[in-house]
Structures are given as structure tokens and as C-alpha cells.
Amino acid sequence: MPTPYDVPPAKLVEKLAKYLSDNVDEVRPPEWAPYVKTGVHAQRPPEDPKWWFTRCASLLRKTYLKGPVGIEHLRLEYGARKDRGTKPEHTRKGSGAVLRKALQQLEAAGLVETSKRGRSITKKGRQLLDMLSTEIRSDLEKKRPELKKY
């Protein structure tokens, strides 16, 4: 059975974001989501109106892949280089509030749980990601039959 390790991350995150927006009522963007930047490195808020669901889907995938993971590690994952004009660029962390709120919503949905070492994925979350990975894999095999042998 295919897992998130076996499918392209972009397709999985896109399909998972659509699933979260349509089927999971606990995951909703907060009222401040349209105005907030995703970190100090960003100059503007995201242009995509559905960016909250994409971030939640990406967080769920990263939690699946990287095991119990904390907010600080995720802030490093979602950070980027800050443009400082003529001065050299430096790496900055992503927003902790965005990650914390998104993980709290995923936890309320029963997809993520808190442990002593950080947040880890639940059985329900693992089943969801495996199901979507299987769908993506079957779609890819229909388009490219040579993938069946893998």
C-alpha cells in the first residue's frame, strides 16, 4: 500500500488541502488569517485565499514523515531567507502562531496528538494520508502505466 513517502508531495498536499476544506469542520482559518504574514521573512500575506488549508495539509504531512515534532523545529522548516536590501540575507524562522493554531485545529479534528516529544500523527491521520496516497498512486499509474512495477 502506498504511503506519503511514495507519492509526489505537491500532489498529496493539494489533495489533502481540498479534503480538509471540504470534510473537516474543525480546520477553519482564524479571523486574522487574511492579514497575517507567514513569518518575518515574508513581505506580504499569502495571496492564495485557501493558504490556511494548504499549510494545515503540509503540517499533517510533515508530522507523518518526521515523527513527534515540535513547534520550533517546524518554525525552522517553514522559515526562509529575509531580504535585507543591500545587506546579506539571513535565514529567519516561520511564524509560530500560525503553526500552533493550525496544529491545535488538527488536534481538535483528531488527526494529530500531543506527546512529550512534540506532536505526532494519530491512527486516524495516518489512515487519511495513506488513503489519499493510494488514490494519488492509482491516478499516476493510470497516466503512466510503467509505474505499476514499483
N, C-alpha and C. Protein backbone atom coordinates (compact mmCIF):
# COMPACT_ATOMS: atom_id res chain seq x y z
N MET A 1 0.84 -1.18 0.00
CA MET A 1 0.00 0.00 0.00
C MET A 1 0.88 1.24 0.00
N PRO A 2 0.62 2.18 -0.89
CA PRO A 2 1.43 3.40 -0.95
C PRO A 2 1.24 4.28 0.29
N THR A 3 2.30 4.94 0.67
CA THR A 3 2.30 5.87 1.79
C THR A 3 2.72 7.24 1.29
N PRO A 4 2.70 8.26 2.13
CA PRO A 4 3.15 9.58 1.68
C PRO A 4 4.61 9.62 1.22
N TYR A 5 5.39 8.61 1.56
CA TYR A 5 6.76 8.54 1.08
C TYR A 5 6.80 8.23 -0.41
N ASP A 6 5.75 7.60 -0.94
CA ASP A 6 5.76 7.05 -2.30
C ASP A 6 5.12 7.95 -3.35
N VAL A 7 4.54 9.06 -2.95
CA VAL A 7 3.84 9.92 -3.92
C VAL A 7 4.47 11.31 -3.90
N PRO A 8 4.29 12.08 -4.98
CA PRO A 8 4.83 13.44 -5.01
C PRO A 8 4.20 14.33 -3.92
N PRO A 9 5.02 15.03 -3.14
CA PRO A 9 4.49 15.85 -2.05
C PRO A 9 3.50 16.92 -2.50
N ALA A 10 3.73 17.54 -3.63
CA ALA A 10 2.84 18.62 -4.08
C ALA A 10 1.44 18.09 -4.35
N LYS A 11 1.34 16.92 -4.98
CA LYS A 11 0.02 16.35 -5.26
C LYS A 11 -0.68 15.93 -3.97
N LEU A 12 0.08 15.38 -3.03
CA LEU A 12 -0.51 14.96 -1.76
C LEU A 12 -1.02 16.15 -0.97
N VAL A 13 -0.24 17.20 -0.89
CA VAL A 13 -0.65 18.39 -0.12
C VAL A 13 -1.86 19.05 -0.77
N GLU A 14 -1.88 19.09 -2.09
CA GLU A 14 -3.02 19.69 -2.79
C GLU A 14 -4.31 18.91 -2.53
N LYS A 15 -4.22 17.59 -2.63
CA LYS A 15 -5.40 16.75 -2.43
C LYS A 15 -5.85 16.77 -0.96
N LEU A 16 -4.88 16.78 -0.05
CA LEU A 16 -5.18 16.81 1.37
C LEU A 16 -5.81 18.15 1.77
N ALA A 17 -5.33 19.25 1.20
CA ALA A 17 -5.90 20.57 1.49
C ALA A 17 -7.36 20.62 1.03
N LYS A 18 -7.64 20.06 -0.13
CA LYS A 18 -9.02 20.02 -0.62
C LYS A 18 -9.89 19.18 0.31
N TYR A 19 -9.36 18.04 0.77
CA TYR A 19 -10.10 17.19 1.69
C TYR A 19 -10.38 17.91 3.00
N LEU A 20 -9.38 18.61 3.55
CA LEU A 20 -9.56 19.31 4.82
C LEU A 20 -10.61 20.43 4.69
N SER A 21 -10.57 21.15 3.58
CA SER A 21 -11.52 22.25 3.42
C SER A 21 -12.95 21.75 3.23
N ASP A 22 -13.11 20.58 2.60
CA ASP A 22 -14.46 20.07 2.32
C ASP A 22 -15.03 19.23 3.46
N ASN A 23 -14.20 18.45 4.15
CA ASN A 23 -14.72 17.42 5.04
C ASN A 23 -14.42 17.61 6.53
N VAL A 24 -13.45 18.42 6.89
CA VAL A 24 -13.08 18.56 8.30
C VAL A 24 -13.53 19.93 8.79
N ASP A 25 -14.55 19.94 9.63
CA ASP A 25 -15.12 21.20 10.10
C ASP A 25 -14.24 21.91 11.11
N GLU A 26 -13.39 21.17 11.84
CA GLU A 26 -12.55 21.79 12.86
C GLU A 26 -11.45 22.67 12.26
N VAL A 27 -11.06 22.40 11.03
CA VAL A 27 -9.99 23.17 10.38
C VAL A 27 -10.63 24.31 9.61
N ARG A 28 -10.53 25.50 10.17
CA ARG A 28 -11.04 26.72 9.55
C ARG A 28 -10.04 27.84 9.80
N PRO A 29 -9.83 28.71 8.82
CA PRO A 29 -8.89 29.81 9.05
C PRO A 29 -9.41 30.76 10.12
N PRO A 30 -8.55 31.21 11.04
CA PRO A 30 -8.99 32.19 12.03
C PRO A 30 -9.29 33.54 11.36
N GLU A 31 -9.90 34.42 12.10
CA GLU A 31 -10.29 35.71 11.51
C GLU A 31 -9.09 36.56 11.13
N TRP A 32 -7.94 36.32 11.72
CA TRP A 32 -6.75 37.10 11.40
C TRP A 32 -5.95 36.52 10.23
N ALA A 33 -6.35 35.39 9.70
CA ALA A 33 -5.59 34.70 8.65
C ALA A 33 -5.40 35.52 7.37
N PRO A 34 -6.37 36.30 6.91
CA PRO A 34 -6.13 37.05 5.66
C PRO A 34 -5.10 38.17 5.79
N TYR A 35 -4.78 38.56 7.02
CA TYR A 35 -3.92 39.73 7.21
C TYR A 35 -2.51 39.40 7.69
N VAL A 36 -2.28 38.17 8.13
CA VAL A 36 -1.03 37.82 8.79
C VAL A 36 0.00 37.32 7.78
N LYS A 37 1.27 37.65 8.05
CA LYS A 37 2.36 37.11 7.25
C LYS A 37 2.71 35.72 7.81
N THR A 38 3.37 34.92 7.01
CA THR A 38 3.72 33.57 7.45
C THR A 38 5.07 33.53 8.16
N GLY A 39 5.69 34.67 8.36
CA GLY A 39 6.96 34.76 9.08
C GLY A 39 7.58 36.12 8.86
N VAL A 40 8.64 36.40 9.59
CA VAL A 40 9.28 37.71 9.46
C VAL A 40 10.00 37.85 8.13
N HIS A 41 10.28 36.75 7.46
CA HIS A 41 10.96 36.80 6.16
C HIS A 41 10.01 37.25 5.05
N ALA A 42 8.71 37.08 5.25
CA ALA A 42 7.72 37.42 4.22
C ALA A 42 7.46 38.92 4.23
N GLN A 43 7.23 39.48 3.05
CA GLN A 43 6.94 40.90 2.97
C GLN A 43 5.44 41.17 2.95
N ARG A 44 4.65 40.17 2.54
CA ARG A 44 3.20 40.32 2.45
C ARG A 44 2.50 39.05 2.92
N PRO A 45 1.22 39.15 3.20
CA PRO A 45 0.45 37.92 3.49
C PRO A 45 0.34 37.06 2.23
N PRO A 46 0.04 35.79 2.36
CA PRO A 46 -0.11 34.93 1.18
C PRO A 46 -1.24 35.42 0.27
N GLU A 47 -1.06 35.26 -1.03
CA GLU A 47 -2.06 35.70 -2.00
C GLU A 47 -3.17 34.69 -2.18
N ASP A 48 -2.88 33.42 -1.93
CA ASP A 48 -3.88 32.36 -2.09
C ASP A 48 -4.91 32.44 -0.97
N PRO A 49 -6.20 32.58 -1.27
CA PRO A 49 -7.20 32.67 -0.21
C PRO A 49 -7.36 31.36 0.58
N LYS A 50 -6.94 30.25 0.02
CA LYS A 50 -7.05 28.94 0.69
C LYS A 50 -5.70 28.53 1.30
N TRP A 51 -4.83 29.47 1.61
CA TRP A 51 -3.49 29.12 2.09
C TRP A 51 -3.53 28.41 3.43
N TRP A 52 -4.54 28.66 4.24
CA TRP A 52 -4.61 28.04 5.57
C TRP A 52 -4.73 26.51 5.44
N PHE A 53 -5.57 26.06 4.50
CA PHE A 53 -5.76 24.63 4.32
C PHE A 53 -4.50 23.98 3.75
N THR A 54 -3.80 24.70 2.88
CA THR A 54 -2.55 24.18 2.34
C THR A 54 -1.51 24.04 3.44
N ARG A 55 -1.44 25.02 4.33
CA ARG A 55 -0.47 24.94 5.43
C ARG A 55 -0.83 23.80 6.38
N CYS A 56 -2.10 23.63 6.68
CA CYS A 56 -2.53 22.52 7.56
C CYS A 56 -2.21 21.17 6.92
N ALA A 57 -2.43 21.05 5.62
CA ALA A 57 -2.12 19.81 4.92
C ALA A 57 -0.62 19.54 4.94
N SER A 58 0.16 20.56 4.72
CA SER A 58 1.60 20.41 4.75
C SER A 58 2.10 20.03 6.14
N LEU A 59 1.50 20.63 7.16
CA LEU A 59 1.86 20.27 8.55
C LEU A 59 1.52 18.83 8.86
N LEU A 60 0.38 18.37 8.39
CA LEU A 60 -0.02 16.99 8.63
C LEU A 60 0.95 16.03 7.95
N ARG A 61 1.37 16.36 6.74
CA ARG A 61 2.34 15.52 6.02
C ARG A 61 3.69 15.51 6.74
N LYS A 62 4.15 16.68 7.17
CA LYS A 62 5.44 16.74 7.87
C LYS A 62 5.39 16.00 9.20
N THR A 63 4.26 16.06 9.88
CA THR A 63 4.11 15.33 11.14
C THR A 63 4.16 13.83 10.88
N TYR A 64 3.58 13.39 9.78
CA TYR A 64 3.62 11.98 9.41
C TYR A 64 5.07 11.55 9.15
N LEU A 65 5.80 12.35 8.38
CA LEU A 65 7.13 11.97 7.95
C LEU A 65 8.19 12.11 9.04
N LYS A 66 8.11 13.14 9.85
CA LYS A 66 9.19 13.45 10.78
C LYS A 66 8.90 13.03 12.21
N GLY A 67 7.81 12.31 12.44
CA GLY A 67 7.55 11.76 13.77
C GLY A 67 7.25 12.82 14.79
N PRO A 68 7.34 12.53 16.08
CA PRO A 68 6.99 13.60 17.01
C PRO A 68 7.86 14.83 16.73
N VAL A 69 7.21 15.93 16.44
CA VAL A 69 7.91 17.15 16.03
C VAL A 69 7.34 18.32 16.80
N GLY A 70 8.23 19.23 17.21
CA GLY A 70 7.81 20.39 17.98
C GLY A 70 7.66 21.64 17.13
N ILE A 71 7.14 22.67 17.76
CA ILE A 71 6.89 23.94 17.06
C ILE A 71 8.19 24.57 16.58
N GLU A 72 9.23 24.54 17.39
CA GLU A 72 10.49 25.18 16.99
C GLU A 72 11.10 24.51 15.77
N HIS A 73 11.03 23.20 15.71
CA HIS A 73 11.54 22.50 14.53
C HIS A 73 10.72 22.87 13.29
N LEU A 74 9.41 22.96 13.46
CA LEU A 74 8.56 23.34 12.33
C LEU A 74 8.79 24.79 11.92
N ARG A 75 9.09 25.66 12.87
CA ARG A 75 9.39 27.05 12.52
C ARG A 75 10.62 27.11 11.62
N LEU A 76 11.59 26.25 11.88
CA LEU A 76 12.77 26.20 11.02
C LEU A 76 12.41 25.66 9.63
N GLU A 77 11.52 24.67 9.59
CA GLU A 77 11.11 24.08 8.31
C GLU A 77 10.39 25.10 7.43
N TYR A 78 9.58 25.96 8.04
CA TYR A 78 8.78 26.92 7.28
C TYR A 78 9.43 28.30 7.20
N GLY A 79 10.65 28.43 7.65
CA GLY A 79 11.37 29.70 7.56
C GLY A 79 11.95 29.88 6.16
N ALA A 80 12.53 31.06 5.95
CA ALA A 80 13.13 31.36 4.65
C ALA A 80 14.16 32.47 4.84
N ARG A 81 14.72 32.92 3.73
CA ARG A 81 15.72 33.97 3.78
C ARG A 81 15.06 35.34 3.77
N LYS A 82 15.52 36.21 4.65
CA LYS A 82 14.97 37.57 4.74
C LYS A 82 15.78 38.50 3.85
N ASP A 83 15.07 39.23 3.01
CA ASP A 83 15.70 40.21 2.13
C ASP A 83 15.96 41.47 2.95
N ARG A 84 17.24 41.82 3.11
CA ARG A 84 17.59 42.98 3.92
C ARG A 84 18.16 44.11 3.07
N GLY A 85 17.71 44.20 1.84
CA GLY A 85 18.17 45.27 0.96
C GLY A 85 19.57 44.97 0.43
N THR A 86 20.50 45.90 0.66
CA THR A 86 21.86 45.70 0.16
C THR A 86 22.70 44.85 1.10
N LYS A 87 22.21 44.61 2.30
CA LYS A 87 22.94 43.77 3.25
C LYS A 87 22.74 42.29 2.91
N PRO A 88 23.61 41.42 3.37
CA PRO A 88 23.44 40.00 3.08
C PRO A 88 22.16 39.44 3.70
N GLU A 89 21.59 38.45 3.04
CA GLU A 89 20.37 37.83 3.54
C GLU A 89 20.70 36.90 4.70
N HIS A 90 19.72 36.73 5.59
CA HIS A 90 19.85 35.81 6.72
C HIS A 90 18.59 34.96 6.81
N THR A 91 18.76 33.76 7.30
CA THR A 91 17.62 32.87 7.47
C THR A 91 16.82 33.28 8.69
N ARG A 92 15.50 33.30 8.55
CA ARG A 92 14.60 33.62 9.64
C ARG A 92 13.58 32.50 9.79
N LYS A 93 13.07 32.33 11.01
CA LYS A 93 12.10 31.29 11.29
C LYS A 93 10.71 31.72 10.80
N GLY A 94 9.85 30.72 10.60
CA GLY A 94 8.46 30.97 10.23
C GLY A 94 7.65 31.37 11.45
N SER A 95 6.42 31.71 11.25
CA SER A 95 5.54 32.17 12.32
C SER A 95 5.13 31.01 13.22
N GLY A 96 5.36 31.16 14.51
CA GLY A 96 4.98 30.13 15.47
C GLY A 96 3.48 30.14 15.74
N ALA A 97 2.85 31.29 15.70
CA ALA A 97 1.42 31.39 15.99
C ALA A 97 0.60 30.67 14.92
N VAL A 98 1.00 30.81 13.66
CA VAL A 98 0.29 30.14 12.57
C VAL A 98 0.40 28.63 12.75
N LEU A 99 1.60 28.15 13.03
CA LEU A 99 1.82 26.71 13.19
C LEU A 99 1.07 26.17 14.41
N ARG A 100 1.14 26.90 15.51
CA ARG A 100 0.49 26.47 16.74
C ARG A 100 -1.02 26.36 16.55
N LYS A 101 -1.62 27.38 15.96
CA LYS A 101 -3.08 27.38 15.75
C LYS A 101 -3.49 26.28 14.79
N ALA A 102 -2.72 26.07 13.73
CA ALA A 102 -3.04 25.02 12.76
C ALA A 102 -2.94 23.64 13.41
N LEU A 103 -1.91 23.43 14.23
CA LEU A 103 -1.77 22.14 14.90
C LEU A 103 -2.87 21.93 15.94
N GLN A 104 -3.29 23.00 16.60
CA GLN A 104 -4.40 22.88 17.55
C GLN A 104 -5.68 22.47 16.83
N GLN A 105 -5.91 23.01 15.64
CA GLN A 105 -7.09 22.63 14.88
C GLN A 105 -7.00 21.18 14.41
N LEU A 106 -5.83 20.76 13.96
CA LEU A 106 -5.65 19.36 13.54
C LEU A 106 -5.81 18.42 14.73
N GLU A 107 -5.40 18.89 15.91
CA GLU A 107 -5.56 18.09 17.12
C GLU A 107 -7.04 17.97 17.49
N ALA A 108 -7.79 19.06 17.34
CA ALA A 108 -9.23 19.02 17.61
C ALA A 108 -9.96 18.11 16.63
N ALA A 109 -9.43 17.98 15.42
CA ALA A 109 -10.03 17.10 14.42
C ALA A 109 -9.65 15.64 14.66
N GLY A 110 -8.71 15.39 15.56
CA GLY A 110 -8.31 14.03 15.85
C GLY A 110 -7.26 13.47 14.91
N LEU A 111 -6.58 14.33 14.16
CA LEU A 111 -5.56 13.88 13.22
C LEU A 111 -4.16 13.92 13.80
N VAL A 112 -3.97 14.75 14.84
CA VAL A 112 -2.66 14.92 15.48
C VAL A 112 -2.88 14.84 16.99
N GLU A 113 -1.87 14.34 17.70
CA GLU A 113 -1.95 14.29 19.16
C GLU A 113 -0.65 14.84 19.76
N THR A 114 -0.75 15.31 21.00
CA THR A 114 0.40 15.86 21.69
C THR A 114 1.05 14.75 22.52
N SER A 115 2.37 14.67 22.43
CA SER A 115 3.12 13.74 23.26
C SER A 115 4.21 14.53 23.98
N LYS A 116 5.04 13.84 24.75
CA LYS A 116 6.09 14.54 25.49
C LYS A 116 7.15 15.13 24.57
N ARG A 117 7.34 14.54 23.40
CA ARG A 117 8.39 14.98 22.49
C ARG A 117 7.88 15.90 21.39
N GLY A 118 6.62 16.27 21.42
CA GLY A 118 6.05 17.14 20.39
C GLY A 118 4.73 16.59 19.91
N ARG A 119 4.35 16.95 18.69
CA ARG A 119 3.10 16.47 18.13
C ARG A 119 3.39 15.30 17.20
N SER A 120 2.53 14.29 17.27
CA SER A 120 2.66 13.13 16.40
C SER A 120 1.30 12.84 15.78
N ILE A 121 1.32 12.06 14.73
CA ILE A 121 0.09 11.78 14.00
C ILE A 121 -0.67 10.64 14.67
N THR A 122 -1.99 10.71 14.63
CA THR A 122 -2.82 9.67 15.22
C THR A 122 -3.11 8.59 14.17
N LYS A 123 -3.78 7.54 14.61
CA LYS A 123 -4.14 6.46 13.70
C LYS A 123 -5.09 6.98 12.62
N LYS A 124 -6.02 7.85 13.00
CA LYS A 124 -6.98 8.43 12.04
C LYS A 124 -6.25 9.27 10.99
N GLY A 125 -5.27 10.07 11.42
CA GLY A 125 -4.50 10.88 10.48
C GLY A 125 -3.66 10.02 9.55
N ARG A 126 -3.06 8.96 10.09
CA ARG A 126 -2.26 8.05 9.28
C ARG A 126 -3.13 7.37 8.22
N GLN A 127 -4.33 6.94 8.61
CA GLN A 127 -5.24 6.31 7.66
C GLN A 127 -5.65 7.28 6.55
N LEU A 128 -5.91 8.52 6.91
CA LEU A 128 -6.28 9.53 5.92
C LEU A 128 -5.17 9.74 4.90
N LEU A 129 -3.94 9.92 5.38
CA LEU A 129 -2.82 10.14 4.46
C LEU A 129 -2.55 8.92 3.60
N ASP A 130 -2.66 7.73 4.17
CA ASP A 130 -2.45 6.51 3.39
C ASP A 130 -3.53 6.35 2.32
N MET A 131 -4.79 6.68 2.66
CA MET A 131 -5.88 6.58 1.71
C MET A 131 -5.66 7.54 0.53
N LEU A 132 -5.31 8.78 0.84
CA LEU A 132 -5.07 9.76 -0.22
C LEU A 132 -3.86 9.39 -1.06
N SER A 133 -2.83 8.84 -0.42
CA SER A 133 -1.64 8.40 -1.16
C SER A 133 -1.99 7.28 -2.13
N THR A 134 -2.86 6.38 -1.70
CA THR A 134 -3.29 5.28 -2.57
C THR A 134 -4.05 5.82 -3.78
N GLU A 135 -4.92 6.81 -3.55
CA GLU A 135 -5.66 7.41 -4.66
C GLU A 135 -4.72 8.10 -5.65
N ILE A 136 -3.77 8.83 -5.12
CA ILE A 136 -2.82 9.55 -5.98
C ILE A 136 -1.99 8.56 -6.77
N ARG A 137 -1.54 7.51 -6.11
CA ARG A 137 -0.73 6.50 -6.79
C ARG A 137 -1.50 5.82 -7.92
N SER A 138 -2.79 5.50 -7.67
CA SER A 138 -3.58 4.86 -8.73
C SER A 138 -3.82 5.83 -9.90
N ASP A 139 -4.00 7.12 -9.61
CA ASP A 139 -4.15 8.10 -10.68
C ASP A 139 -2.87 8.22 -11.50
N LEU A 140 -1.72 8.19 -10.83
CA LEU A 140 -0.45 8.27 -11.54
C LEU A 140 -0.21 7.02 -12.39
N GLU A 141 -0.64 5.86 -11.88
CA GLU A 141 -0.46 4.62 -12.65
C GLU A 141 -1.34 4.59 -13.88
N LYS A 142 -2.51 5.24 -13.81
CA LYS A 142 -3.37 5.32 -14.99
C LYS A 142 -2.74 6.19 -16.07
N LYS A 143 -2.09 7.27 -15.65
CA LYS A 143 -1.46 8.18 -16.61
C LYS A 143 -0.17 7.60 -17.15
N ARG A 144 0.57 6.90 -16.28
CA ARG A 144 1.86 6.32 -16.69
C ARG A 144 1.91 4.85 -16.25
N PRO A 145 1.50 3.93 -17.11
CA PRO A 145 1.41 2.51 -16.73
C PRO A 145 2.75 1.89 -16.29
N GLU A 146 3.86 2.46 -16.70
CA GLU A 146 5.15 1.89 -16.31
C GLU A 146 5.45 2.01 -14.82
N LEU A 147 4.67 2.83 -14.09
CA LEU A 147 4.86 2.96 -12.65
C LEU A 147 4.31 1.77 -11.86
N LYS A 148 3.54 0.90 -12.50
CA LYS A 148 2.90 -0.22 -11.78
C LYS A 148 3.93 -1.17 -11.19
N LYS A 149 5.08 -1.31 -11.82
CA LYS A 149 6.06 -2.26 -11.32
C LYS A 149 6.76 -1.79 -10.06
N TYR A 150 6.58 -0.54 -9.68
CA TYR A 150 7.18 -0.03 -8.45
C TYR A 150 6.18 -0.14 -7.36
